[in-house]
Amino acid sequence: MKKVLLLILLTLTLALPAISGYQIGDRVSDFTLRDSDGSLVSYSDYPDLIKFIVFWQPG
């Protein structure tokens, strides 16, 4: 159990600089990804909407 907690703590410590690179309200560059149906979707496809982006990898 201690090893799992240590691994989680280490992972969070290493990930924090990457996570803190953006703050609420910052602008991001346009990017394009495939959705769950395989269609290409660009960030710029929704210019007037507030976006909430979730990345995951099923496994």
C-alpha atoms as a PDB file:
ATOM      1  CA  MET A   1       0.000   0.000   0.000  1.00  0.00           C
ATOM      2  CA  LYS A   2       2.842   2.383   0.808  1.00  0.00           C
ATOM      3  CA  LYS A   3       4.389   1.739  -2.592  1.00  0.00           C
ATOM      4  CA  VAL A   4       1.120   2.612  -4.341  1.00  0.00           C
ATOM      5  CA  LEU A   5       0.783   5.865  -2.402  1.00  0.00           C
ATOM      6  CA  LEU A   6       4.404   6.746  -3.110  1.00  0.00           C
ATOM      7  CA  LEU A   7       3.896   6.057  -6.808  1.00  0.00           C
ATOM      8  CA  ILE A   8       0.794   8.283  -6.877  1.00  0.00           C
ATOM      9  CA  LEU A   9       2.624  11.072  -5.063  1.00  0.00           C
ATOM     10  CA  LEU A  10       5.590  10.828  -7.415  1.00  0.00           C
ATOM     11  CA  THR A  11       3.338  10.856 -10.466  1.00  0.00           C
ATOM     12  CA  LEU A  12       1.457  13.934  -9.251  1.00  0.00           C
ATOM     13  CA  THR A  13       4.702  15.710  -8.412  1.00  0.00           C
ATOM     14  CA  LEU A  14       6.062  15.089 -11.894  1.00  0.00           C
ATOM     15  CA  ALA A  15       2.773  16.012 -13.579  1.00  0.00           C
ATOM     16  CA  LEU A  16       2.148  19.301 -11.773  1.00  0.00           C
ATOM     17  CA  PRO A  17       4.453  21.450 -13.942  1.00  0.00           C
ATOM     18  CA  ALA A  18       2.690  20.205 -17.084  1.00  0.00           C
ATOM     19  CA  ILE A  19      -0.748  20.728 -15.580  1.00  0.00           C
ATOM     20  CA  SER A  20       0.022  24.212 -14.312  1.00  0.00           C
ATOM     21  CA  GLY A  21       1.163  25.384 -17.761  1.00  0.00           C
ATOM     22  CA  TYR A  22      -2.309  26.786 -18.432  1.00  0.00           C
ATOM     23  CA  GLN A  23      -4.683  28.745 -16.278  1.00  0.00           C
ATOM     24  CA  ILE A  24      -8.393  29.366 -16.662  1.00  0.00           C
ATOM     25  CA  GLY A  25      -8.920  31.903 -19.419  1.00  0.00           C
ATOM     26  CA  ASP A  26      -5.634  31.234 -21.247  1.00  0.00           C
ATOM     27  CA  ARG A  27      -5.841  30.832 -25.012  1.00  0.00           C
ATOM     28  CA  VAL A  28      -4.620  27.600 -26.555  1.00  0.00           C
ATOM     29  CA  SER A  29      -3.399  26.866 -30.065  1.00  0.00           C
ATOM     30  CA  ASP A  30      -5.773  25.176 -32.485  1.00  0.00           C
ATOM     31  CA  PHE A  31      -5.493  21.388 -32.652  1.00  0.00           C
ATOM     32  CA  THR A  32      -7.323  18.515 -34.322  1.00  0.00           C
ATOM     33  CA  LEU A  33      -8.086  15.083 -32.857  1.00  0.00           C
ATOM     34  CA  ARG A  34     -10.257  12.115 -33.773  1.00  0.00           C
ATOM     35  CA  ASP A  35     -13.470  11.591 -31.843  1.00  0.00           C
ATOM     36  CA  SER A  36     -14.825   8.224 -30.736  1.00  0.00           C
ATOM     37  CA  ASP A  37     -16.346   7.689 -34.206  1.00  0.00           C
ATOM     38  CA  GLY A  38     -13.042   8.395 -35.961  1.00  0.00           C
ATOM     39  CA  SER A  39     -14.103  11.779 -37.348  1.00  0.00           C
ATOM     40  CA  LEU A  40     -11.659  14.690 -37.176  1.00  0.00           C
ATOM     41  CA  VAL A  41     -12.675  17.441 -34.767  1.00  0.00           C
ATOM     42  CA  SER A  42     -10.793  20.736 -34.422  1.00  0.00           C
ATOM     43  CA  TYR A  43     -10.753  23.065 -31.476  1.00  0.00           C
ATOM     44  CA  SER A  44     -11.622  25.879 -33.867  1.00  0.00           C
ATOM     45  CA  ASP A  45     -14.822  24.070 -34.948  1.00  0.00           C
ATOM     46  CA  TYR A  46     -16.522  25.559 -31.869  1.00  0.00           C
ATOM     47  CA  PRO A  47     -15.336  29.181 -31.713  1.00  0.00           C
ATOM     48  CA  ASP A  48     -18.091  30.685 -29.557  1.00  0.00           C
ATOM     49  CA  LEU A  49     -18.450  27.918 -26.998  1.00  0.00           C
ATOM     50  CA  ILE A  50     -16.788  27.305 -23.661  1.00  0.00           C
ATOM     51  CA  LYS A  51     -14.818  24.088 -24.019  1.00  0.00           C
ATOM     52  CA  PHE A  52     -14.138  21.390 -21.452  1.00  0.00           C
ATOM     53  CA  ILE A  53     -11.609  18.914 -22.793  1.00  0.00           C
ATOM     54  CA  VAL A  54     -11.126  15.458 -21.315  1.00  0.00           C
ATOM     55  CA  PHE A  55      -8.362  13.152 -22.505  1.00  0.00           C
ATOM     56  CA  TRP A  56      -8.367   9.478 -21.662  1.00  0.00           C
ATOM     57  CA  GLN A  57      -7.015   6.243 -23.001  1.00  0.00           C
ATOM     58  CA  PRO A  58      -9.254   3.235 -22.607  1.00  0.00           C
ATOM     59  CA  GLY A  59      -7.449   0.255 -21.331  1.00  0.00           C
END
